[in-house]
Amino acid sequence: MTGEIIWLFILMWIIATAAFAPLGYFIYMYTKNSGKPFGETEPHGDSASVVNDFAEKVIAHGKKLLKK
């Protein structure tokens, strides 16, 4: 009985370690790189996008139709 409880306790520690390892790695990288966990990343909205260009054209066309 006591051996089963100890084995279950060890097993639960192994599962918890595996479950929280990504969180620990993220916190480690976040503090290591002064608040930039993924290094230098490009700000959103600065890159060219075919979808964004198309959406802007559709919106401009819609505005033009509404003005008529």
PDB file of N, CA and C in Angstrom:
ATOM      1  N   MET A   1       0.827  -1.194   0.000  1.00  0.00           N
ATOM      2  CA  MET A   1       0.000   0.000   0.000  1.00  0.00           C
ATOM      3  C   MET A   1       0.872   1.258   0.000  1.00  0.00           C
ATOM      4  N   THR A   2       1.820   1.340   0.909  1.00  0.00           N
ATOM      5  CA  THR A   2       2.685   2.518   0.982  1.00  0.00           C
ATOM      6  C   THR A   2       3.547   2.629  -0.268  1.00  0.00           C
ATOM      7  N   GLY A   3       4.009   1.508  -0.777  1.00  0.00           N
ATOM      8  CA  GLY A   3       4.828   1.513  -1.993  1.00  0.00           C
ATOM      9  C   GLY A   3       4.047   2.024  -3.189  1.00  0.00           C
ATOM     10  N   GLU A   4       2.756   1.690  -3.264  1.00  0.00           N
ATOM     11  CA  GLU A   4       1.917   2.168  -4.360  1.00  0.00           C
ATOM     12  C   GLU A   4       1.714   3.679  -4.285  1.00  0.00           C
ATOM     13  N   ILE A   5       1.564   4.198  -3.096  1.00  0.00           N
ATOM     14  CA  ILE A   5       1.380   5.637  -2.928  1.00  0.00           C
ATOM     15  C   ILE A   5       2.655   6.389  -3.311  1.00  0.00           C
ATOM     16  N   ILE A   6       3.805   5.861  -2.900  1.00  0.00           N
ATOM     17  CA  ILE A   6       5.071   6.495  -3.259  1.00  0.00           C
ATOM     18  C   ILE A   6       5.259   6.450  -4.777  1.00  0.00           C
ATOM     19  N   TRP A   7       4.982   5.313  -5.398  1.00  0.00           N
ATOM     20  CA  TRP A   7       5.100   5.188  -6.860  1.00  0.00           C
ATOM     21  C   TRP A   7       4.152   6.168  -7.563  1.00  0.00           C
ATOM     22  N   LEU A   8       2.936   6.312  -7.070  1.00  0.00           N
ATOM     23  CA  LEU A   8       1.979   7.248  -7.646  1.00  0.00           C
ATOM     24  C   LEU A   8       2.472   8.692  -7.480  1.00  0.00           C
ATOM     25  N   PHE A   9       3.047   9.015  -6.334  1.00  0.00           N
ATOM     26  CA  PHE A   9       3.589  10.339  -6.084  1.00  0.00           C
ATOM     27  C   PHE A   9       4.722  10.661  -7.064  1.00  0.00           C
ATOM     28  N   ILE A  10       5.608   9.719  -7.268  1.00  0.00           N
ATOM     29  CA  ILE A  10       6.724   9.916  -8.209  1.00  0.00           C
ATOM     30  C   ILE A  10       6.195  10.058  -9.633  1.00  0.00           C
ATOM     31  N   LEU A  11       5.230   9.251  -9.999  1.00  0.00           N
ATOM     32  CA  LEU A  11       4.648   9.315 -11.329  1.00  0.00           C
ATOM     33  C   LEU A  11       3.970  10.664 -11.571  1.00  0.00           C
ATOM     34  N   MET A  12       3.271  11.161 -10.575  1.00  0.00           N
ATOM     35  CA  MET A  12       2.611  12.457 -10.717  1.00  0.00           C
ATOM     36  C   MET A  12       3.634  13.590 -10.841  1.00  0.00           C
ATOM     37  N   TRP A  13       4.761  13.495 -10.153  1.00  0.00           N
ATOM     38  CA  TRP A  13       5.817  14.493 -10.289  1.00  0.00           C
ATOM     39  C   TRP A  13       6.390  14.475 -11.705  1.00  0.00           C
ATOM     40  N   ILE A  14       6.570  13.297 -12.272  1.00  0.00           N
ATOM     41  CA  ILE A  14       7.082  13.187 -13.645  1.00  0.00           C
ATOM     42  C   ILE A  14       6.102  13.806 -14.633  1.00  0.00           C
ATOM     43  N   ILE A  15       4.820  13.534 -14.462  1.00  0.00           N
ATOM     44  CA  ILE A  15       3.792  14.099 -15.350  1.00  0.00           C
ATOM     45  C   ILE A  15       3.741  15.617 -15.204  1.00  0.00           C
ATOM     46  N   ALA A  16       3.801  16.111 -13.986  1.00  0.00           N
ATOM     47  CA  ALA A  16       3.766  17.560 -13.759  1.00  0.00           C
ATOM     48  C   ALA A  16       4.992  18.245 -14.356  1.00  0.00           C
ATOM     49  N   THR A  17       6.138  17.617 -14.232  1.00  0.00           N
ATOM     50  CA  THR A  17       7.357  18.176 -14.817  1.00  0.00           C
ATOM     51  C   THR A  17       7.238  18.270 -16.329  1.00  0.00           C
ATOM     52  N   ALA A  18       6.722  17.224 -16.959  1.00  0.00           N
ATOM     53  CA  ALA A  18       6.549  17.235 -18.418  1.00  0.00           C
ATOM     54  C   ALA A  18       5.511  18.271 -18.842  1.00  0.00           C
ATOM     55  N   ALA A  19       4.482  18.455 -18.036  1.00  0.00           N
ATOM     56  CA  ALA A  19       3.421  19.393 -18.395  1.00  0.00           C
ATOM     57  C   ALA A  19       3.877  20.847 -18.267  1.00  0.00           C
ATOM     58  N   PHE A  20       4.690  21.159 -17.274  1.00  0.00           N
ATOM     59  CA  PHE A  20       5.082  22.542 -17.032  1.00  0.00           C
ATOM     60  C   PHE A  20       6.456  22.901 -17.588  1.00  0.00           C
ATOM     61  N   ALA A  21       7.138  21.965 -18.238  1.00  0.00           N
ATOM     62  CA  ALA A  21       8.443  22.264 -18.821  1.00  0.00           C
ATOM     63  C   ALA A  21       8.367  23.359 -19.883  1.00  0.00           C
ATOM     64  N   PRO A  22       7.377  23.354 -20.801  1.00  0.00           N
ATOM     65  CA  PRO A  22       7.317  24.448 -21.788  1.00  0.00           C
ATOM     66  C   PRO A  22       7.125  25.816 -21.137  1.00  0.00           C
ATOM     67  N   LEU A  23       6.344  25.886 -20.079  1.00  0.00           N
ATOM     68  CA  LEU A  23       6.145  27.151 -19.375  1.00  0.00           C
ATOM     69  C   LEU A  23       7.452  27.626 -18.749  1.00  0.00           C
ATOM     70  N   GLY A  24       8.171  26.722 -18.140  1.00  0.00           N
ATOM     71  CA  GLY A  24       9.459  27.076 -17.552  1.00  0.00           C
ATOM     72  C   GLY A  24      10.452  27.542 -18.602  1.00  0.00           C
ATOM     73  N   TYR A  25      10.455  26.891 -19.763  1.00  0.00           N
ATOM     74  CA  TYR A  25      11.351  27.295 -20.846  1.00  0.00           C
ATOM     75  C   TYR A  25      10.983  28.678 -21.358  1.00  0.00           C
ATOM     76  N   PHE A  26       9.686  28.957 -21.492  1.00  0.00           N
ATOM     77  CA  PHE A  26       9.235  30.271 -21.948  1.00  0.00           C
ATOM     78  C   PHE A  26       9.663  31.355 -20.968  1.00  0.00           C
ATOM     79  N   ILE A  27       9.479  31.123 -19.679  1.00  0.00           N
ATOM     80  CA  ILE A  27       9.873  32.097 -18.662  1.00  0.00           C
ATOM     81  C   ILE A  27      11.383  32.304 -18.691  1.00  0.00           C
ATOM     82  N   TYR A  28      12.127  31.224 -18.858  1.00  0.00           N
ATOM     83  CA  TYR A  28      13.586  31.326 -18.928  1.00  0.00           C
ATOM     84  C   TYR A  28      14.018  32.174 -20.124  1.00  0.00           C
ATOM     85  N   MET A  29      13.453  31.921 -21.295  1.00  0.00           N
ATOM     86  CA  MET A  29      13.816  32.681 -22.487  1.00  0.00           C
ATOM     87  C   MET A  29      13.358  34.132 -22.364  1.00  0.00           C
ATOM     88  N   TYR A  30      12.213  34.372 -21.748  1.00  0.00           N
ATOM     89  CA  TYR A  30      11.681  35.719 -21.585  1.00  0.00           C
ATOM     90  C   TYR A  30      12.613  36.561 -20.708  1.00  0.00           C
ATOM     91  N   THR A  31      13.078  35.986 -19.620  1.00  0.00           N
ATOM     92  CA  THR A  31      13.954  36.740 -18.728  1.00  0.00           C
ATOM     93  C   THR A  31      15.367  36.840 -19.292  1.00  0.00           C
ATOM     94  N   LYS A  32      15.788  35.874 -20.058  1.00  0.00           N
ATOM     95  CA  LYS A  32      17.130  35.868 -20.634  1.00  0.00           C
ATOM     96  C   LYS A  32      17.282  36.965 -21.684  1.00  0.00           C
ATOM     97  N   ASN A  33      16.254  37.193 -22.491  1.00  0.00           N
ATOM     98  CA  ASN A  33      16.322  38.142 -23.601  1.00  0.00           C
ATOM     99  C   ASN A  33      15.672  39.481 -23.270  1.00  0.00           C
ATOM    100  N   SER A  34      15.628  39.857 -22.037  1.00  0.00           N
ATOM    101  CA  SER A  34      15.094  41.151 -21.600  1.00  0.00           C
ATOM    102  C   SER A  34      13.672  41.395 -22.093  1.00  0.00           C
ATOM    103  N   GLY A  35      12.810  40.436 -21.931  1.00  0.00           N
ATOM    104  CA  GLY A  35      11.407  40.616 -22.282  1.00  0.00           C
ATOM    105  C   GLY A  35      11.074  40.300 -23.725  1.00  0.00           C
ATOM    106  N   LYS A  36      12.001  39.742 -24.490  1.00  0.00           N
ATOM    107  CA  LYS A  36      11.733  39.363 -25.876  1.00  0.00           C
ATOM    108  C   LYS A  36      11.964  37.854 -25.995  1.00  0.00           C
ATOM    109  N   PRO A  37      10.946  37.049 -25.717  1.00  0.00           N
ATOM    110  CA  PRO A  37      11.152  35.595 -25.650  1.00  0.00           C
ATOM    111  C   PRO A  37      11.504  34.965 -26.982  1.00  0.00           C
ATOM    112  N   PHE A  38      11.157  35.595 -28.082  1.00  0.00           N
ATOM    113  CA  PHE A  38      11.410  34.980 -29.382  1.00  0.00           C
ATOM    114  C   PHE A  38      12.440  35.759 -30.176  1.00  0.00           C
ATOM    115  N   GLY A  39      13.236  36.578 -29.506  1.00  0.00           N
ATOM    116  CA  GLY A  39      14.241  37.360 -30.195  1.00  0.00           C
ATOM    117  C   GLY A  39      13.609  38.560 -30.882  1.00  0.00           C
ATOM    118  N   GLU A  40      14.256  39.044 -31.894  1.00  0.00           N
ATOM    119  CA  GLU A  40      13.748  40.185 -32.643  1.00  0.00           C
ATOM    120  C   GLU A  40      12.670  39.715 -33.596  1.00  0.00           C
ATOM    121  N   THR A  41      11.472  40.182 -33.411  1.00  0.00           N
ATOM    122  CA  THR A  41      10.369  39.830 -34.288  1.00  0.00           C
ATOM    123  C   THR A  41       9.878  41.065 -35.009  1.00  0.00           C
ATOM    124  N   GLU A  42       9.285  40.860 -36.154  1.00  0.00           N
ATOM    125  CA  GLU A  42       8.776  41.962 -36.953  1.00  0.00           C
ATOM    126  C   GLU A  42       7.439  42.420 -36.377  1.00  0.00           C
ATOM    127  N   PRO A  43       7.263  43.720 -36.219  1.00  0.00           N
ATOM    128  CA  PRO A  43       5.977  44.209 -35.708  1.00  0.00           C
ATOM    129  C   PRO A  43       4.843  43.872 -36.677  1.00  0.00           C
ATOM    130  N   HIS A  44       3.667  43.691 -36.139  1.00  0.00           N
ATOM    131  CA  HIS A  44       2.517  43.360 -36.978  1.00  0.00           C
ATOM    132  C   HIS A  44       2.145  44.540 -37.857  1.00  0.00           C
ATOM    133  N   GLY A  45       1.765  44.231 -39.093  1.00  0.00           N
ATOM    134  CA  GLY A  45       1.277  45.255 -39.994  1.00  0.00           C
ATOM    135  C   GLY A  45       2.348  45.895 -40.851  1.00  0.00           C
ATOM    136  N   ASP A  46       3.616  45.589 -40.620  1.00  0.00           N
ATOM    137  CA  ASP A  46       4.678  46.208 -41.400  1.00  0.00           C
ATOM    138  C   ASP A  46       5.038  45.415 -42.653  1.00  0.00           C
ATOM    139  N   SER A  47       4.662  44.171 -42.713  1.00  0.00           N
ATOM    140  CA  SER A  47       5.035  43.355 -43.859  1.00  0.00           C
ATOM    141  C   SER A  47       3.949  43.419 -44.937  1.00  0.00           C
ATOM    142  N   ALA A  48       4.382  43.291 -46.179  1.00  0.00           N
ATOM    143  CA  ALA A  48       3.437  43.298 -47.292  1.00  0.00           C
ATOM    144  C   ALA A  48       2.642  41.994 -47.302  1.00  0.00           C
ATOM    145  N   SER A  49       1.368  42.095 -47.656  1.00  0.00           N
ATOM    146  CA  SER A  49       0.520  40.919 -47.666  1.00  0.00           C
ATOM    147  C   SER A  49      -0.456  41.020 -48.832  1.00  0.00           C
ATOM    148  N   VAL A  50      -0.569  39.949 -49.587  1.00  0.00           N
ATOM    149  CA  VAL A  50      -1.499  39.910 -50.713  1.00  0.00           C
ATOM    150  C   VAL A  50      -2.931  40.015 -50.203  1.00  0.00           C
ATOM    151  N   VAL A  51      -3.215  39.369 -49.120  1.00  0.00           N
ATOM    152  CA  VAL A  51      -4.569  39.391 -48.556  1.00  0.00           C
ATOM    153  C   VAL A  51      -4.926  40.807 -48.096  1.00  0.00           C
ATOM    154  N   ASN A  52      -3.998  41.472 -47.401  1.00  0.00           N
ATOM    155  CA  ASN A  52      -4.274  42.840 -46.948  1.00  0.00           C
ATOM    156  C   ASN A  52      -4.462  43.788 -48.126  1.00  0.00           C
ATOM    157  N   ASP A  53      -3.631  43.641 -49.161  1.00  0.00           N
ATOM    158  CA  ASP A  53      -3.770  44.488 -50.344  1.00  0.00           C
ATOM    159  C   ASP A  53      -5.129  44.275 -51.007  1.00  0.00           C
ATOM    160  N   PHE A  54      -5.546  43.033 -51.128  1.00  0.00           N
ATOM    161  CA  PHE A  54      -6.841  42.713 -51.729  1.00  0.00           C
ATOM    162  C   PHE A  54      -7.980  43.299 -50.898  1.00  0.00           C
ATOM    163  N   ALA A  55      -7.881  43.151 -49.570  1.00  0.00           N
ATOM    164  CA  ALA A  55      -8.920  43.676 -48.691  1.00  0.00           C
ATOM    165  C   ALA A  55      -9.012  45.198 -48.798  1.00  0.00           C
ATOM    166  N   GLU A  56      -7.886  45.865 -48.896  1.00  0.00           N
ATOM    167  CA  GLU A  56      -7.902  47.323 -49.044  1.00  0.00           C
ATOM    168  C   GLU A  56      -8.558  47.735 -50.358  1.00  0.00           C
ATOM    169  N   LYS A  57      -8.283  46.988 -51.432  1.00  0.00           N
ATOM    170  CA  LYS A  57      -8.907  47.287 -52.723  1.00  0.00           C
ATOM    171  C   LYS A  57     -10.423  47.081 -52.660  1.00  0.00           C
ATOM    172  N   VAL A  58     -10.857  46.007 -52.006  1.00  0.00           N
ATOM    173  CA  VAL A  58     -12.293  45.733 -51.884  1.00  0.00           C
ATOM    174  C   VAL A  58     -12.967  46.827 -51.058  1.00  0.00           C
ATOM    175  N   ILE A  59     -12.346  47.257 -49.974  1.00  0.00           N
ATOM    176  CA  ILE A  59     -12.918  48.310 -49.137  1.00  0.00           C
ATOM    177  C   ILE A  59     -12.996  49.626 -49.904  1.00  0.00           C
ATOM    178  N   ALA A  60     -11.922  49.955 -50.628  1.00  0.00           N
ATOM    179  CA  ALA A  60     -11.925  51.190 -51.416  1.00  0.00           C
ATOM    180  C   ALA A  60     -13.003  51.139 -52.494  1.00  0.00           C
ATOM    181  N   HIS A  61     -13.182  49.988 -53.127  1.00  0.00           N
ATOM    182  CA  HIS A  61     -14.213  49.831 -54.150  1.00  0.00           C
ATOM    183  C   HIS A  61     -15.610  49.961 -53.520  1.00  0.00           C
ATOM    184  N   GLY A  62     -15.799  49.369 -52.353  1.00  0.00           N
ATOM    185  CA  GLY A  62     -17.071  49.467 -51.648  1.00  0.00           C
ATOM    186  C   GLY A  62     -17.387  50.910 -51.256  1.00  0.00           C
ATOM    187  N   LYS A  63     -16.387  51.639 -50.780  1.00  0.00           N
ATOM    188  CA  LYS A  63     -16.591  53.044 -50.424  1.00  0.00           C
ATOM    189  C   LYS A  63     -16.976  53.863 -51.663  1.00  0.00           C
ATOM    190  N   LYS A  64     -16.316  53.536 -52.794  1.00  0.00           N
ATOM    191  CA  LYS A  64     -16.610  54.253 -54.032  1.00  0.00           C
ATOM    192  C   LYS A  64     -18.045  53.993 -54.468  1.00  0.00           C
ATOM    193  N   LEU A  65     -18.517  52.751 -54.307  1.00  0.00           N
ATOM    194  CA  LEU A  65     -19.892  52.423 -54.687  1.00  0.00           C
ATOM    195  C   LEU A  65     -20.896  53.110 -53.767  1.00  0.00           C
ATOM    196  N   LEU A  66     -20.576  53.230 -52.496  1.00  0.00           N
ATOM    197  CA  LEU A  66     -21.495  53.867 -51.545  1.00  0.00           C
ATOM    198  C   LEU A  66     -21.602  55.377 -51.770  1.00  0.00           C
ATOM    199  N   LYS A  67     -20.547  55.987 -52.309  1.00  0.00           N
ATOM    200  CA  LYS A  67     -20.576  57.433 -52.553  1.00  0.00           C
ATOM    201  C   LYS A  67     -21.475  57.790 -53.726  1.00  0.00           C
ATOM    202  N   LYS A  68     -21.715  56.845 -54.623  1.00  0.00           N
ATOM    203  CA  LYS A  68     -22.550  57.122 -55.805  1.00  0.00           C
ATOM    204  C   LYS A  68     -23.991  57.259 -55.471  1.00  0.00           C
TER     205      LYS A  68
END
